[in-house]
Amino acid sequence: VNDTLGHDAGDTVLKACAGLIRSSLRKQDRVGRWGGDEFLLLLPGTDLAGGRTILEMIRKRIAETSFSYGGKSLKTGLSLGLCIYRGGQSVDDAIREAGDALESDKKKGRHPRT
């Protein structure tokens, strides 16, 4: 979006995506912007299957949403990475693991942006 319509359009879509993510989470979950167009979600008490379910629901909601900017309707995709925190694992290692999973999802190219 930034490359085709500029940073204002990108920021508008990013804020709308953040709202969709927040509204998809449970009361105990947390989301924050990690940097650029990346978000970090904390899903306490969630196992791998539950994490996948939540992330796929978010992916679907964003893919099905038309975002509006400057009279244009925009669609976007979402790549995701998931890590289940293991006791004794450093936070940095957990975030790195999630980042590696995110990069793997991006390389699959399953979620093109339009």
PDB file of N, CA and C in Angstrom:
ATOM      1  N   VAL A   1       0.837  -1.178   0.000  1.00  0.00           N
ATOM      2  CA  VAL A   1       0.000   0.000   0.000  1.00  0.00           C
ATOM      3  C   VAL A   1       0.884   1.244   0.000  1.00  0.00           C
ATOM      4  N   ASN A   2       1.920   1.258   0.840  1.00  0.00           N
ATOM      5  CA  ASN A   2       2.828   2.404   0.878  1.00  0.00           C
ATOM      6  C   ASN A   2       3.443   2.666  -0.496  1.00  0.00           C
ATOM      7  N   ASP A   3       3.866   1.602  -1.173  1.00  0.00           N
ATOM      8  CA  ASP A   3       4.549   1.751  -2.457  1.00  0.00           C
ATOM      9  C   ASP A   3       3.625   2.257  -3.558  1.00  0.00           C
ATOM     10  N   THR A   4       2.372   1.893  -3.517  1.00  0.00           N
ATOM     11  CA  THR A   4       1.456   2.281  -4.587  1.00  0.00           C
ATOM     12  C   THR A   4       0.649   3.536  -4.290  1.00  0.00           C
ATOM     13  N   LEU A   5       0.256   3.734  -3.027  1.00  0.00           N
ATOM     14  CA  LEU A   5      -0.615   4.867  -2.694  1.00  0.00           C
ATOM     15  C   LEU A   5      -0.015   5.846  -1.693  1.00  0.00           C
ATOM     16  N   GLY A   6       1.152   5.524  -1.153  1.00  0.00           N
ATOM     17  CA  GLY A   6       1.813   6.424  -0.219  1.00  0.00           C
ATOM     18  C   GLY A   6       1.630   6.018   1.229  1.00  0.00           C
ATOM     19  N   HIS A   7       2.403   6.685   2.078  1.00  0.00           N
ATOM     20  CA  HIS A   7       2.441   6.332   3.496  1.00  0.00           C
ATOM     21  C   HIS A   7       1.158   6.672   4.245  1.00  0.00           C
ATOM     22  N   ASP A   8       0.458   7.716   3.846  1.00  0.00           N
ATOM     23  CA  ASP A   8      -0.819   8.022   4.512  1.00  0.00           C
ATOM     24  C   ASP A   8      -1.810   6.891   4.310  1.00  0.00           C
ATOM     25  N   ALA A   9      -1.871   6.365   3.088  1.00  0.00           N
ATOM     26  CA  ALA A   9      -2.760   5.233   2.802  1.00  0.00           C
ATOM     27  C   ALA A   9      -2.317   4.009   3.603  1.00  0.00           C
ATOM     28  N   GLY A  10      -1.000   3.769   3.631  1.00  0.00           N
ATOM     29  CA  GLY A  10      -0.471   2.636   4.387  1.00  0.00           C
ATOM     30  C   GLY A  10      -0.803   2.738   5.861  1.00  0.00           C
ATOM     31  N   ASP A  11      -0.667   3.936   6.423  1.00  0.00           N
ATOM     32  CA  ASP A  11      -0.991   4.136   7.837  1.00  0.00           C
ATOM     33  C   ASP A  11      -2.466   3.910   8.111  1.00  0.00           C
ATOM     34  N   THR A  12      -3.319   4.347   7.185  1.00  0.00           N
ATOM     35  CA  THR A  12      -4.765   4.145   7.343  1.00  0.00           C
ATOM     36  C   THR A  12      -5.096   2.655   7.383  1.00  0.00           C
ATOM     37  N   VAL A  13      -4.528   1.902   6.455  1.00  0.00           N
ATOM     38  CA  VAL A  13      -4.779   0.455   6.404  1.00  0.00           C
ATOM     39  C   VAL A  13      -4.175  -0.227   7.628  1.00  0.00           C
ATOM     40  N   LEU A  14      -2.985   0.193   8.027  1.00  0.00           N
ATOM     41  CA  LEU A  14      -2.331  -0.394   9.199  1.00  0.00           C
ATOM     42  C   LEU A  14      -3.170  -0.188  10.461  1.00  0.00           C
ATOM     43  N   LYS A  15      -3.703   1.005  10.640  1.00  0.00           N
ATOM     44  CA  LYS A  15      -4.556   1.286  11.804  1.00  0.00           C
ATOM     45  C   LYS A  15      -5.830   0.459  11.757  1.00  0.00           C
ATOM     46  N   ALA A  16      -6.410   0.308  10.579  1.00  0.00           N
ATOM     47  CA  ALA A  16      -7.627  -0.494  10.457  1.00  0.00           C
ATOM     48  C   ALA A  16      -7.333  -1.964  10.760  1.00  0.00           C
ATOM     49  N   CYS A  17      -6.192  -2.454  10.292  1.00  0.00           N
ATOM     50  CA  CYS A  17      -5.800  -3.841  10.588  1.00  0.00           C
ATOM     51  C   CYS A  17      -5.589  -4.025  12.090  1.00  0.00           C
ATOM     52  N   ALA A  18      -4.955  -3.035  12.729  1.00  0.00           N
ATOM     53  CA  ALA A  18      -4.746  -3.110  14.179  1.00  0.00           C
ATOM     54  C   ALA A  18      -6.081  -3.210  14.900  1.00  0.00           C
ATOM     55  N   GLY A  19      -7.057  -2.447  14.460  1.00  0.00           N
ATOM     56  CA  GLY A  19      -8.388  -2.515  15.067  1.00  0.00           C
ATOM     57  C   GLY A  19      -9.034  -3.877  14.878  1.00  0.00           C
ATOM     58  N   LEU A  20      -8.886  -4.463  13.689  1.00  0.00           N
ATOM     59  CA  LEU A  20      -9.431  -5.798  13.446  1.00  0.00           C
ATOM     60  C   LEU A  20      -8.741  -6.841  14.314  1.00  0.00           C
ATOM     61  N   ILE A  21      -7.442  -6.709  14.463  1.00  0.00           N
ATOM     62  CA  ILE A  21      -6.706  -7.648  15.315  1.00  0.00           C
ATOM     63  C   ILE A  21      -7.184  -7.523  16.757  1.00  0.00           C
ATOM     64  N   ARG A  22      -7.219  -6.289  17.272  1.00  0.00           N
ATOM     65  CA  ARG A  22      -7.663  -6.074  18.661  1.00  0.00           C
ATOM     66  C   ARG A  22      -9.052  -6.643  18.895  1.00  0.00           C
ATOM     67  N   SER A  23      -9.958  -6.413  17.961  1.00  0.00           N
ATOM     68  CA  SER A  23     -11.337  -6.877  18.152  1.00  0.00           C
ATOM     69  C   SER A  23     -11.465  -8.397  18.015  1.00  0.00           C
ATOM     70  N   SER A  24     -10.415  -9.060  17.551  1.00  0.00           N
ATOM     71  CA  SER A  24     -10.426 -10.513  17.394  1.00  0.00           C
ATOM     72  C   SER A  24      -9.872 -11.239  18.605  1.00  0.00           C
ATOM     73  N   LEU A  25      -9.297 -10.488  19.533  1.00  0.00           N
ATOM     74  CA  LEU A  25      -8.613 -11.110  20.665  1.00  0.00           C
ATOM     75  C   LEU A  25      -9.494 -11.188  21.902  1.00  0.00           C
ATOM     76  N   ARG A  26      -9.072 -12.050  22.808  1.00  0.00           N
ATOM     77  CA  ARG A  26      -9.751 -12.200  24.085  1.00  0.00           C
ATOM     78  C   ARG A  26      -9.298 -11.102  25.040  1.00  0.00           C
ATOM     79  N   LYS A  27      -9.998 -10.982  26.141  1.00  0.00           N
ATOM     80  CA  LYS A  27      -9.702  -9.942  27.132  1.00  0.00           C
ATOM     81  C   LYS A  27      -8.261 -10.031  27.640  1.00  0.00           C
ATOM     82  N   GLN A  28      -7.742 -11.234  27.841  1.00  0.00           N
ATOM     83  CA  GLN A  28      -6.403 -11.402  28.415  1.00  0.00           C
ATOM     84  C   GLN A  28      -5.283 -11.262  27.378  1.00  0.00           C
ATOM     85  N   ASP A  29      -5.607 -11.230  26.091  1.00  0.00           N
ATOM     86  CA  ASP A  29      -4.600 -11.137  25.044  1.00  0.00           C
ATOM     87  C   ASP A  29      -4.119  -9.699  24.881  1.00  0.00           C
ATOM     88  N   ARG A  30      -2.932  -9.560  24.325  1.00  0.00           N
ATOM     89  CA  ARG A  30      -2.351  -8.236  24.098  1.00  0.00           C
ATOM     90  C   ARG A  30      -1.773  -8.162  22.686  1.00  0.00           C
ATOM     91  N   VAL A  31      -1.864  -6.987  22.092  1.00  0.00           N
ATOM     92  CA  VAL A  31      -1.262  -6.749  20.786  1.00  0.00           C
ATOM     93  C   VAL A  31      -0.534  -5.417  20.825  1.00  0.00           C
ATOM     94  N   GLY A  32       0.595  -5.378  20.160  1.00  0.00           N
ATOM     95  CA  GLY A  32       1.354  -4.142  20.049  1.00  0.00           C
ATOM     96  C   GLY A  32       2.059  -4.107  18.710  1.00  0.00           C
ATOM     97  N   ARG A  33       2.325  -2.911  18.247  1.00  0.00           N
ATOM     98  CA  ARG A  33       3.067  -2.769  16.999  1.00  0.00           C
ATOM     99  C   ARG A  33       4.534  -3.034  17.294  1.00  0.00           C
ATOM    100  N   TRP A  34       5.113  -3.958  16.564  1.00  0.00           N
ATOM    101  CA  TRP A  34       6.492  -4.349  16.787  1.00  0.00           C
ATOM    102  C   TRP A  34       7.431  -3.465  15.974  1.00  0.00           C
ATOM    103  N   GLY A  35       6.983  -3.061  14.813  1.00  0.00           N
ATOM    104  CA  GLY A  35       7.776  -2.187  13.961  1.00  0.00           C
ATOM    105  C   GLY A  35       7.277  -2.268  12.536  1.00  0.00           C
ATOM    106  N   GLY A  36       7.386  -1.166  11.821  1.00  0.00           N
ATOM    107  CA  GLY A  36       6.948  -1.174  10.424  1.00  0.00           C
ATOM    108  C   GLY A  36       5.517  -1.649  10.313  1.00  0.00           C
ATOM    109  N   ASP A  37       5.342  -2.754   9.622  1.00  0.00           N
ATOM    110  CA  ASP A  37       4.005  -3.327   9.460  1.00  0.00           C
ATOM    111  C   ASP A  37       3.868  -4.638  10.234  1.00  0.00           C
ATOM    112  N   GLU A  38       4.613  -4.762  11.319  1.00  0.00           N
ATOM    113  CA  GLU A  38       4.588  -5.987  12.120  1.00  0.00           C
ATOM    114  C   GLU A  38       3.947  -5.732  13.477  1.00  0.00           C
ATOM    115  N   PHE A  39       3.151  -6.705  13.900  1.00  0.00           N
ATOM    116  CA  PHE A  39       2.513  -6.673  15.209  1.00  0.00           C
ATOM    117  C   PHE A  39       2.980  -7.884  15.997  1.00  0.00           C
ATOM    118  N   LEU A  40       3.008  -7.745  17.303  1.00  0.00           N
ATOM    119  CA  LEU A  40       3.356  -8.837  18.207  1.00  0.00           C
ATOM    120  C   LEU A  40       2.140  -9.099  19.089  1.00  0.00           C
ATOM    121  N   LEU A  41       1.668 -10.333  19.084  1.00  0.00           N
ATOM    122  CA  LEU A  41       0.521 -10.709  19.897  1.00  0.00           C
ATOM    123  C   LEU A  41       0.979 -11.620  21.017  1.00  0.00           C
ATOM    124  N   LEU A  42       0.457 -11.394  22.204  1.00  0.00           N
ATOM    125  CA  LEU A  42       0.676 -12.284  23.340  1.00  0.00           C
ATOM    126  C   LEU A  42      -0.659 -12.932  23.645  1.00  0.00           C
ATOM    127  N   LEU A  43      -0.679 -14.255  23.613  1.00  0.00           N
ATOM    128  CA  LEU A  43      -1.909 -15.014  23.800  1.00  0.00           C
ATOM    129  C   LEU A  43      -1.732 -15.967  24.979  1.00  0.00           C
ATOM    130  N   PRO A  44      -1.811 -15.460  26.213  1.00  0.00           N
ATOM    131  CA  PRO A  44      -1.551 -16.305  27.382  1.00  0.00           C
ATOM    132  C   PRO A  44      -2.537 -17.469  27.486  1.00  0.00           C
ATOM    133  N   GLY A  45      -1.994 -18.608  27.918  1.00  0.00           N
ATOM    134  CA  GLY A  45      -2.834 -19.785  28.118  1.00  0.00           C
ATOM    135  C   GLY A  45      -3.301 -20.424  26.823  1.00  0.00           C
ATOM    136  N   THR A  46      -2.605 -20.136  25.718  1.00  0.00           N
ATOM    137  CA  THR A  46      -3.013 -20.661  24.417  1.00  0.00           C
ATOM    138  C   THR A  46      -1.994 -21.684  23.943  1.00  0.00           C
ATOM    139  N   ASP A  47      -2.480 -22.850  23.531  1.00  0.00           N
ATOM    140  CA  ASP A  47      -1.574 -23.859  22.981  1.00  0.00           C
ATOM    141  C   ASP A  47      -1.400 -23.621  21.480  1.00  0.00           C
ATOM    142  N   LEU A  48      -0.608 -24.479  20.823  1.00  0.00           N
ATOM    143  CA  LEU A  48      -0.307 -24.305  19.414  1.00  0.00           C
ATOM    144  C   LEU A  48      -1.575 -24.314  18.556  1.00  0.00           C
ATOM    145  N   ALA A  49      -2.449 -25.266  18.800  1.00  0.00           N
ATOM    146  CA  ALA A  49      -3.691 -25.348  18.004  1.00  0.00           C
ATOM    147  C   ALA A  49      -4.554 -24.103  18.218  1.00  0.00           C
ATOM    148  N   GLY A  50      -4.651 -23.649  19.447  1.00  0.00           N
ATOM    149  CA  GLY A  50      -5.432 -22.447  19.734  1.00  0.00           C
ATOM    150  C   GLY A  50      -4.833 -21.214  19.092  1.00  0.00           C
ATOM    151  N   GLY A  51      -3.509 -21.120  19.125  1.00  0.00           N
ATOM    152  CA  GLY A  51      -2.819 -20.002  18.483  1.00  0.00           C
ATOM    153  C   GLY A  51      -3.070 -19.990  16.993  1.00  0.00           C
ATOM    154  N   ARG A  52      -2.989 -21.154  16.372  1.00  0.00           N
ATOM    155  CA  ARG A  52      -3.261 -21.246  14.929  1.00  0.00           C
ATOM    156  C   ARG A  52      -4.688 -20.832  14.612  1.00  0.00           C
ATOM    157  N   THR A  53      -5.626 -21.258  15.444  1.00  0.00           N
ATOM    158  CA  THR A  53      -7.031 -20.900  15.225  1.00  0.00           C
ATOM    159  C   THR A  53      -7.222 -19.387  15.287  1.00  0.00           C
ATOM    160  N   ILE A  54      -6.655 -18.760  16.299  1.00  0.00           N
ATOM    161  CA  ILE A  54      -6.790 -17.306  16.448  1.00  0.00           C
ATOM    162  C   ILE A  54      -6.152 -16.591  15.259  1.00  0.00           C
ATOM    163  N   LEU A  55      -4.935 -16.991  14.886  1.00  0.00           N
ATOM    164  CA  LEU A  55      -4.249 -16.317  13.791  1.00  0.00           C
ATOM    165  C   LEU A  55      -4.954 -16.511  12.452  1.00  0.00           C
ATOM    166  N   GLU A  56      -5.470 -17.694  12.208  1.00  0.00           N
ATOM    167  CA  GLU A  56      -6.190 -17.919  10.948  1.00  0.00           C
ATOM    168  C   GLU A  56      -7.496 -17.126  10.901  1.00  0.00           C
ATOM    169  N   MET A  57      -8.145 -16.958  12.046  1.00  0.00           N
ATOM    170  CA  MET A  57      -9.353 -16.126  12.086  1.00  0.00           C
ATOM    171  C   MET A  57      -8.992 -14.682  11.748  1.00  0.00           C
ATOM    172  N   ILE A  58      -7.882 -14.188  12.303  1.00  0.00           N
ATOM    173  CA  ILE A  58      -7.436 -12.826  12.008  1.00  0.00           C
ATOM    174  C   ILE A  58      -7.069 -12.705  10.528  1.00  0.00           C
ATOM    175  N   ARG A  59      -6.345 -13.684  10.003  1.00  0.00           N
ATOM    176  CA  ARG A  59      -5.961 -13.671   8.591  1.00  0.00           C
ATOM    177  C   ARG A  59      -7.201 -13.590   7.702  1.00  0.00           C
ATOM    178  N   LYS A  60      -8.197 -14.385   8.026  1.00  0.00           N
ATOM    179  CA  LYS A  60      -9.433 -14.418   7.232  1.00  0.00           C
ATOM    180  C   LYS A  60     -10.173 -13.084   7.318  1.00  0.00           C
ATOM    181  N   ARG A  61     -10.284 -12.531   8.511  1.00  0.00           N
ATOM    182  CA  ARG A  61     -10.993 -11.250   8.676  1.00  0.00           C
ATOM    183  C   ARG A  61     -10.337 -10.144   7.859  1.00  0.00           C
ATOM    184  N   ILE A  62      -9.012 -10.092   7.878  1.00  0.00           N
ATOM    185  CA  ILE A  62      -8.313  -9.053   7.125  1.00  0.00           C
ATOM    186  C   ILE A  62      -8.449  -9.288   5.625  1.00  0.00           C
ATOM    187  N   ALA A  63      -8.328 -10.532   5.195  1.00  0.00           N
ATOM    188  CA  ALA A  63      -8.456 -10.840   3.762  1.00  0.00           C
ATOM    189  C   ALA A  63      -9.852 -10.504   3.229  1.00  0.00           C
ATOM    190  N   GLU A  64     -10.870 -10.625   4.076  1.00  0.00           N
ATOM    191  CA  GLU A  64     -12.249 -10.378   3.647  1.00  0.00           C
ATOM    192  C   GLU A  64     -12.669  -8.913   3.777  1.00  0.00           C
ATOM    193  N   THR A  65     -11.798  -8.092   4.339  1.00  0.00           N
ATOM    194  CA  THR A  65     -12.144  -6.691   4.582  1.00  0.00           C
ATOM    195  C   THR A  65     -11.661  -5.814   3.430  1.00  0.00           C
ATOM    196  N   SER A  66     -12.521  -4.911   2.999  1.00  0.00           N
ATOM    197  CA  SER A  66     -12.136  -3.879   2.039  1.00  0.00           C
ATOM    198  C   SER A  66     -11.864  -2.608   2.824  1.00  0.00           C
ATOM    199  N   PHE A  67     -10.676  -2.095   2.682  1.00  0.00           N
ATOM    200  CA  PHE A  67     -10.285  -0.868   3.355  1.00  0.00           C
ATOM    201  C   PHE A  67     -10.482   0.284   2.387  1.00  0.00           C
ATOM    202  N   SER A  68     -10.891   1.407   2.902  1.00  0.00           N
ATOM    203  CA  SER A  68     -11.172   2.558   2.051  1.00  0.00           C
ATOM    204  C   SER A  68     -10.151   3.654   2.299  1.00  0.00           C
ATOM    205  N   TYR A  69      -9.622   4.192   1.193  1.00  0.00           N
ATOM    206  CA  TYR A  69      -8.717   5.328   1.297  1.00  0.00           C
ATOM    207  C   TYR A  69      -8.809   6.149   0.014  1.00  0.00           C
ATOM    208  N   GLY A  70      -9.062   7.432   0.161  1.00  0.00           N
ATOM    209  CA  GLY A  70      -9.099   8.326  -0.989  1.00  0.00           C
ATOM    210  C   GLY A  70     -10.079   7.894  -2.056  1.00  0.00           C
ATOM    211  N   GLY A  71     -11.203   7.355  -1.629  1.00  0.00           N
ATOM    212  CA  GLY A  71     -12.211   6.904  -2.585  1.00  0.00           C
ATOM    213  C   GLY A  71     -11.912   5.562  -3.226  1.00  0.00           C
ATOM    214  N   LYS A  72     -10.813   4.929  -2.827  1.00  0.00           N
ATOM    215  CA  LYS A  72     -10.447   3.624  -3.369  1.00  0.00           C
ATOM    216  C   LYS A  72     -10.713   2.537  -2.347  1.00  0.00           C
ATOM    217  N   SER A  73     -11.083   1.383  -2.839  1.00  0.00           N
ATOM    218  CA  SER A  73     -11.267   0.212  -1.993  1.00  0.00           C
ATOM    219  C   SER A  73     -10.011  -0.648  -2.094  1.00  0.00           C
ATOM    220  N   LEU A  74      -9.430  -0.951  -0.958  1.00  0.00           N
ATOM    221  CA  LEU A  74      -8.174  -1.692  -0.922  1.00  0.00           C
ATOM    222  C   LEU A  74      -8.347  -3.025  -0.201  1.00  0.00           C
ATOM    223  N   LYS A  75      -7.670  -4.035  -0.709  1.00  0.00           N
ATOM    224  CA  LYS A  75      -7.616  -5.335  -0.046  1.00  0.00           C
ATOM    225  C   LYS A  75      -6.157  -5.594   0.292  1.00  0.00           C
ATOM    226  N   THR A  76      -5.932  -6.333   1.355  1.00  0.00           N
ATOM    227  CA  THR A  76      -4.567  -6.687   1.717  1.00  0.00           C
ATOM    228  C   THR A  76      -4.533  -8.095   2.286  1.00  0.00           C
ATOM    229  N   GLY A  77      -3.363  -8.645   2.336  1.00  0.00           N
ATOM    230  CA  GLY A  77      -3.163  -9.969   2.917  1.00  0.00           C
ATOM    231  C   GLY A  77      -2.335  -9.855   4.181  1.00  0.00           C
ATOM    232  N   LEU A  78      -2.046 -10.990   4.752  1.00  0.00           N
ATOM    233  CA  LEU A  78      -1.373 -11.010   6.029  1.00  0.00           C
ATOM    234  C   LEU A  78      -0.505 -12.254   6.117  1.00  0.00           C
ATOM    235  N   SER A  79       0.739 -12.076   6.477  1.00  0.00           N
ATOM    236  CA  SER A  79       1.629 -13.199   6.761  1.00  0.00           C
ATOM    237  C   SER A  79       1.787 -13.284   8.269  1.00  0.00           C
ATOM    238  N   LEU A  80       1.903 -14.508   8.774  1.00  0.00           N
ATOM    239  CA  LEU A  80       1.918 -14.715  10.220  1.00  0.00           C
ATOM    240  C   LEU A  80       3.030 -15.662  10.641  1.00  0.00           C
ATOM    241  N   GLY A  81       3.534 -15.438  11.831  1.00  0.00           N
ATOM    242  CA  GLY A  81       4.486 -16.343  12.447  1.00  0.00           C
ATOM    243  C   GLY A  81       4.006 -16.654  13.854  1.00  0.00           C
ATOM    244  N   LEU A  82       4.183 -17.882  14.293  1.00  0.00           N
ATOM    245  CA  LEU A  82       3.680 -18.307  15.594  1.00  0.00           C
ATOM    246  C   LEU A  82       4.780 -19.009  16.365  1.00  0.00           C
ATOM    247  N   CYS A  83       4.880 -18.708  17.639  1.00  0.00           N
ATOM    248  CA  CYS A  83       5.807 -19.374  18.537  1.00  0.00           C
ATOM    249  C   CYS A  83       5.080 -19.627  19.851  1.00  0.00           C
ATOM    250  N   ILE A  84       5.198 -20.817  20.360  1.00  0.00           N
ATOM    251  CA  ILE A  84       4.670 -21.130  21.690  1.00  0.00           C
ATOM    252  C   ILE A  84       5.830 -20.990  22.668  1.00  0.00           C
ATOM    253  N   TYR A  85       5.678 -20.082  23.608  1.00  0.00           N
ATOM    254  CA  TYR A  85       6.730 -19.833  24.589  1.00  0.00           C
ATOM    255  C   TYR A  85       6.911 -21.053  25.473  1.00  0.00           C
ATOM    256  N   ARG A  86       8.166 -21.476  25.601  1.00  0.00           N
ATOM    257  CA  ARG A  86       8.503 -22.610  26.453  1.00  0.00           C
ATOM    258  C   ARG A  86       9.217 -22.081  27.689  1.00  0.00           C
ATOM    259  N   GLY A  87       8.824 -22.558  28.833  1.00  0.00           N
ATOM    260  CA  GLY A  87       9.463 -22.125  30.083  1.00  0.00           C
ATOM    261  C   GLY A  87      10.973 -22.220  29.982  1.00  0.00           C
ATOM    262  N   GLY A  88      11.657 -21.196  30.441  1.00  0.00           N
ATOM    263  CA  GLY A  88      13.106 -21.178  30.380  1.00  0.00           C
ATOM    264  C   GLY A  88      13.638 -20.564  29.095  1.00  0.00           C
ATOM    265  N   GLN A  89      12.799 -20.438  28.092  1.00  0.00           N
ATOM    266  CA  GLN A  89      13.190 -19.816  26.832  1.00  0.00           C
ATOM    267  C   GLN A  89      13.271 -18.301  27.035  1.00  0.00           C
ATOM    268  N   SER A  90      14.265 -17.668  26.468  1.00  0.00           N
ATOM    269  CA  SER A  90      14.330 -16.214  26.596  1.00  0.00           C
ATOM    270  C   SER A  90      13.263 -15.577  25.709  1.00  0.00           C
ATOM    271  N   VAL A  91      12.819 -14.403  26.103  1.00  0.00           N
ATOM    272  CA  VAL A  91      11.835 -13.674  25.304  1.00  0.00           C
ATOM    273  C   VAL A  91      12.417 -13.381  23.930  1.00  0.00           C
ATOM    274  N   ASP A  92      13.697 -13.009  23.877  1.00  0.00           N
ATOM    275  CA  ASP A  92      14.341 -12.728  22.594  1.00  0.00           C
ATOM    276  C   ASP A  92      14.314 -13.945  21.685  1.00  0.00           C
ATOM    277  N   ASP A  93      14.576 -15.141  22.241  1.00  0.00           N
ATOM    278  CA  ASP A  93      14.541 -16.363  21.435  1.00  0.00           C
ATOM    279  C   ASP A  93      13.130 -16.658  20.938  1.00  0.00           C
ATOM    280  N   ALA A  94      12.124 -16.438  21.780  1.00  0.00           N
ATOM    281  CA  ALA A  94      10.742 -16.671  21.367  1.00  0.00           C
ATOM    282  C   ALA A  94      10.353 -15.716  20.238  1.00  0.00           C
ATOM    283  N   ILE A  95      10.721 -14.461  20.361  1.00  0.00           N
ATOM    284  CA  ILE A  95      10.397 -13.484  19.315  1.00  0.00           C
ATOM    285  C   ILE A  95      11.151 -13.816  18.030  1.00  0.00           C
ATOM    286  N   ARG A  96      12.397 -14.241  18.148  1.00  0.00           N
ATOM    287  CA  ARG A  96      13.175 -14.640  16.974  1.00  0.00           C
ATOM    288  C   ARG A  96      12.514 -15.843  16.282  1.00  0.00           C
ATOM    289  N   GLU A  97      12.051 -16.805  17.069  1.00  0.00           N
ATOM    290  CA  GLU A  97      11.383 -17.988  16.514  1.00  0.00           C
ATOM    291  C   GLU A  97      10.110 -17.588  15.767  1.00  0.00           C
ATOM    292  N   ALA A  98       9.331 -16.694  16.361  1.00  0.00           N
ATOM    293  CA  ALA A  98       8.120 -16.210  15.693  1.00  0.00           C
ATOM    294  C   ALA A  98       8.481 -15.453  14.419  1.00  0.00           C
ATOM    295  N   GLY A  99       9.551 -14.671  14.472  1.00  0.00           N
ATOM    296  CA  GLY A  99      10.005 -13.937  13.292  1.00  0.00           C
ATOM    297  C   GLY A  99      10.436 -14.864  12.166  1.00  0.00           C
ATOM    298  N   ASP A 100      11.113 -15.941  12.521  1.00  0.00           N
ATOM    299  CA  ASP A 100      11.513 -16.932  11.513  1.00  0.00           C
ATOM    300  C   ASP A 100      10.281 -17.572  10.873  1.00  0.00           C
ATOM    301  N   ALA A 101       9.264 -17.876  11.694  1.00  0.00           N
ATOM    302  CA  ALA A 101       8.027 -18.455  11.164  1.00  0.00           C
ATOM    303  C   ALA A 101       7.312 -17.443  10.257  1.00  0.00           C
ATOM    304  N   LEU A 102       7.357 -16.171  10.617  1.00  0.00           N
ATOM    305  CA  LEU A 102       6.762 -15.118   9.791  1.00  0.00           C
ATOM    306  C   LEU A 102       7.459 -15.057   8.437  1.00  0.00           C
ATOM    307  N   GLU A 103       8.785 -15.061   8.432  1.00  0.00           N
ATOM    308  CA  GLU A 103       9.527 -15.009   7.168  1.00  0.00           C
ATOM    309  C   GLU A 103       9.212 -16.220   6.299  1.00  0.00           C
ATOM    310  N   SER A 104       9.067 -17.380   6.906  1.00  0.00           N
ATOM    311  CA  SER A 104       8.707 -18.589   6.167  1.00  0.00           C
ATOM    312  C   SER A 104       7.336 -18.435   5.522  1.00  0.00           C
ATOM    313  N   ASP A 105       6.377 -17.865   6.254  1.00  0.00           N
ATOM    314  CA  ASP A 105       5.035 -17.652   5.715  1.00  0.00           C
ATOM    315  C   ASP A 105       5.077 -16.655   4.555  1.00  0.00           C
ATOM    316  N   LYS A 106       5.880 -15.609   4.684  1.00  0.00           N
ATOM    317  CA  LYS A 106       6.005 -14.615   3.608  1.00  0.00           C
ATOM    318  C   LYS A 106       6.566 -15.255   2.343  1.00  0.00           C
ATOM    319  N   LYS A 107       7.550 -16.139   2.493  1.00  0.00           N
ATOM    320  CA  LYS A 107       8.180 -16.780   1.340  1.00  0.00           C
ATOM    321  C   LYS A 107       7.221 -17.696   0.600  1.00  0.00           C
ATOM    322  N   LYS A 108       6.230 -18.228   1.309  1.00  0.00           N
ATOM    323  CA  LYS A 108       5.238 -19.100   0.658  1.00  0.00           C
ATOM    324  C   LYS A 108       4.380 -18.306  -0.312  1.00  0.00           C
ATOM    325  N   GLY A 109       4.257 -16.995  -0.068  1.00  0.00           N
ATOM    326  CA  GLY A 109       3.505 -16.147  -0.980  1.00  0.00           C
ATOM    327  C   GLY A 109       2.033 -16.477  -1.058  1.00  0.00           C
ATOM    328  N   ARG A 110       1.493 -17.066  -0.014  1.00  0.00           N
ATOM    329  CA  ARG A 110       0.084 -17.475  -0.022  1.00  0.00           C
ATOM    330  C   ARG A 110      -0.854 -16.320   0.165  1.00  0.00           C
ATOM    331  N   HIS A 111      -0.359 -15.188   0.596  1.00  0.00           N
ATOM    332  CA  HIS A 111      -1.246 -14.094   0.981  1.00  0.00           C
ATOM    333  C   HIS A 111      -0.848 -12.805   0.282  1.00  0.00           C
ATOM    334  N   PRO A 112      -0.989 -12.810  -1.034  1.00  0.00           N
ATOM    335  CA  PRO A 112      -0.573 -11.616  -1.774  1.00  0.00           C
ATOM    336  C   PRO A 112      -1.446 -10.406  -1.437  1.00  0.00           C
ATOM    337  N   ARG A 113      -0.838  -9.258  -1.512  1.00  0.00           N
ATOM    338  CA  ARG A 113      -1.569  -8.002  -1.298  1.00  0.00           C
ATOM    339  C   ARG A 113      -2.050  -7.500  -2.641  1.00  0.00           C
ATOM    340  N   THR A 114      -3.233  -6.924  -2.678  1.00  0.00           N
ATOM    341  CA  THR A 114      -3.747  -6.369  -3.936  1.00  0.00           C
ATOM    342  C   THR A 114      -4.115  -4.942  -3.758  1.00  0.00           C
TER     343      THR A 114
END
